[in-house]
Amino acid sequence: MLSATLCLCFAATPVALRAQSSAGQDMKNAGHDTKQAAKDTGSATKKTAKKAGHNVKKDTKKATHKTAQKTKQTSQKVEDKTKPQ
């Protein structure tokens, strides 16, 4: 009876230790997953900001050129109207 009890105790011990290490590993995995999610979010934010910045630059340049062109057209009209005949 004593030997059966000892065998049962030793047989149950590794299972309990494995359950504890499994919970610890689950916590580590959760931490790693959280870290990776934060990296992915940061990368996506950087990519979006970079793309938006390029679009702003392109649109600003386009607007500046169009404004300069219209200013030139308008000044030409004024010059033509005020030319002595």
C-alpha atoms as a PDB file:
ATOM      1  CA  MET A   1       0.000   0.000   0.000  1.00  0.00           C
ATOM      2  CA  LEU A   2       2.832   2.393   0.887  1.00  0.00           C
ATOM      3  CA  SER A   3       4.675   1.693  -2.338  1.00  0.00           C
ATOM      4  CA  ALA A   4       1.504   2.257  -4.370  1.00  0.00           C
ATOM      5  CA  THR A   5       0.984   5.628  -2.662  1.00  0.00           C
ATOM      6  CA  LEU A   6       4.597   6.676  -3.357  1.00  0.00           C
ATOM      7  CA  CYS A   7       4.320   5.625  -6.973  1.00  0.00           C
ATOM      8  CA  LEU A   8       1.117   7.588  -7.318  1.00  0.00           C
ATOM      9  CA  CYS A   9       2.731  10.705  -5.790  1.00  0.00           C
ATOM     10  CA  PHE A  10       5.764  10.546  -8.048  1.00  0.00           C
ATOM     11  CA  ALA A  11       3.625   9.902 -11.080  1.00  0.00           C
ATOM     12  CA  ALA A  12       1.418  12.946 -10.396  1.00  0.00           C
ATOM     13  CA  THR A  13       4.283  15.377  -9.698  1.00  0.00           C
ATOM     14  CA  PRO A  14       5.582  15.812 -13.265  1.00  0.00           C
ATOM     15  CA  VAL A  15       2.060  16.516 -14.522  1.00  0.00           C
ATOM     16  CA  ALA A  16       1.669  19.342 -12.005  1.00  0.00           C
ATOM     17  CA  LEU A  17       5.072  20.783 -12.949  1.00  0.00           C
ATOM     18  CA  ARG A  18       4.218  20.603 -16.617  1.00  0.00           C
ATOM     19  CA  ALA A  19       0.966  22.448 -15.986  1.00  0.00           C
ATOM     20  CA  GLN A  20       2.849  25.230 -14.196  1.00  0.00           C
ATOM     21  CA  SER A  21       5.449  25.534 -16.928  1.00  0.00           C
ATOM     22  CA  SER A  22       2.690  25.535 -19.519  1.00  0.00           C
ATOM     23  CA  ALA A  23       1.002  28.484 -17.814  1.00  0.00           C
ATOM     24  CA  GLY A  24       4.335  30.299 -17.661  1.00  0.00           C
ATOM     25  CA  GLN A  25       4.974  29.583 -21.314  1.00  0.00           C
ATOM     26  CA  ASP A  26       1.485  30.831 -22.151  1.00  0.00           C
ATOM     27  CA  MET A  27       2.312  34.123 -20.430  1.00  0.00           C
ATOM     28  CA  LYS A  28       5.579  34.387 -22.357  1.00  0.00           C
ATOM     29  CA  ASN A  29       3.792  33.660 -25.617  1.00  0.00           C
ATOM     30  CA  ALA A  30       1.179  36.300 -24.827  1.00  0.00           C
ATOM     31  CA  GLY A  31       3.953  38.814 -24.158  1.00  0.00           C
ATOM     32  CA  HIS A  32       5.696  37.989 -27.426  1.00  0.00           C
ATOM     33  CA  ASP A  33       2.418  38.201 -29.340  1.00  0.00           C
ATOM     34  CA  THR A  34       1.669  41.598 -27.798  1.00  0.00           C
ATOM     35  CA  LYS A  35       5.137  42.835 -28.708  1.00  0.00           C
ATOM     36  CA  GLN A  36       4.743  41.646 -32.297  1.00  0.00           C
ATOM     37  CA  ALA A  37       1.304  43.262 -32.576  1.00  0.00           C
ATOM     38  CA  ALA A  38       2.756  46.567 -31.376  1.00  0.00           C
ATOM     39  CA  LYS A  39       5.554  46.306 -33.954  1.00  0.00           C
ATOM     40  CA  ASP A  40       3.053  45.569 -36.721  1.00  0.00           C
ATOM     41  CA  THR A  41       0.879  48.507 -35.694  1.00  0.00           C
ATOM     42  CA  GLY A  42       3.868  50.833 -35.612  1.00  0.00           C
ATOM     43  CA  SER A  43       4.988  49.659 -39.024  1.00  0.00           C
ATOM     44  CA  ALA A  44       1.532  50.203 -40.505  1.00  0.00           C
ATOM     45  CA  THR A  45       1.345  53.678 -38.960  1.00  0.00           C
ATOM     46  CA  LYS A  46       4.744  54.580 -40.389  1.00  0.00           C
ATOM     47  CA  LYS A  47       3.766  53.340 -43.840  1.00  0.00           C
ATOM     48  CA  THR A  48       0.481  55.259 -43.793  1.00  0.00           C
ATOM     49  CA  ALA A  49       2.123  58.474 -42.596  1.00  0.00           C
ATOM     50  CA  LYS A  50       4.809  58.207 -45.244  1.00  0.00           C
ATOM     51  CA  LYS A  51       2.237  57.650 -47.979  1.00  0.00           C
ATOM     52  CA  ALA A  52       0.132  60.570 -46.742  1.00  0.00           C
ATOM     53  CA  GLY A  53       3.193  62.814 -46.631  1.00  0.00           C
ATOM     54  CA  HIS A  54       4.076  61.963 -50.218  1.00  0.00           C
ATOM     55  CA  ASN A  55       0.508  62.662 -51.343  1.00  0.00           C
ATOM     56  CA  VAL A  56       0.491  66.017 -49.575  1.00  0.00           C
ATOM     57  CA  LYS A  57       3.784  66.960 -51.215  1.00  0.00           C
ATOM     58  CA  LYS A  58       2.539  65.899 -54.667  1.00  0.00           C
ATOM     59  CA  ASP A  59      -0.786  67.722 -54.316  1.00  0.00           C
ATOM     60  CA  THR A  60       0.871  70.871 -52.978  1.00  0.00           C
ATOM     61  CA  LYS A  61       3.277  70.932 -55.897  1.00  0.00           C
ATOM     62  CA  LYS A  62       0.421  70.404 -58.352  1.00  0.00           C
ATOM     63  CA  ALA A  63      -1.609  73.232 -56.782  1.00  0.00           C
ATOM     64  CA  THR A  64       1.388  75.566 -56.821  1.00  0.00           C
ATOM     65  CA  HIS A  65       1.993  74.963 -60.509  1.00  0.00           C
ATOM     66  CA  LYS A  66      -1.665  75.424 -61.362  1.00  0.00           C
ATOM     67  CA  THR A  67      -1.810  78.656 -59.352  1.00  0.00           C
ATOM     68  CA  ALA A  68       1.291  79.968 -61.108  1.00  0.00           C
ATOM     69  CA  GLN A  69      -0.202  79.097 -64.490  1.00  0.00           C
ATOM     70  CA  LYS A  70      -3.503  80.852 -63.727  1.00  0.00           C
ATOM     71  CA  THR A  71      -1.642  83.880 -62.352  1.00  0.00           C
ATOM     72  CA  LYS A  72       0.349  84.081 -65.573  1.00  0.00           C
ATOM     73  CA  GLN A  73      -2.847  83.838 -67.667  1.00  0.00           C
ATOM     74  CA  THR A  74      -4.531  86.547 -65.624  1.00  0.00           C
ATOM     75  CA  SER A  75      -1.547  88.878 -65.830  1.00  0.00           C
ATOM     76  CA  GLN A  76      -1.493  88.362 -69.604  1.00  0.00           C
ATOM     77  CA  LYS A  77      -5.186  89.308 -69.809  1.00  0.00           C
ATOM     78  CA  VAL A  78      -4.600  92.447 -67.738  1.00  0.00           C
ATOM     79  CA  GLU A  79      -1.607  93.365 -69.883  1.00  0.00           C
ATOM     80  CA  ASP A  80      -3.635  92.925 -73.067  1.00  0.00           C
ATOM     81  CA  LYS A  81      -6.494  95.100 -71.727  1.00  0.00           C
ATOM     82  CA  THR A  82      -4.226  97.887 -70.568  1.00  0.00           C
ATOM     83  CA  LYS A  83      -2.021  98.032 -73.678  1.00  0.00           C
ATOM     84  CA  PRO A  84      -2.136 101.398 -75.424  1.00  0.00           C
ATOM     85  CA  GLN A  85      -3.799 101.141 -78.812  1.00  0.00           C
END
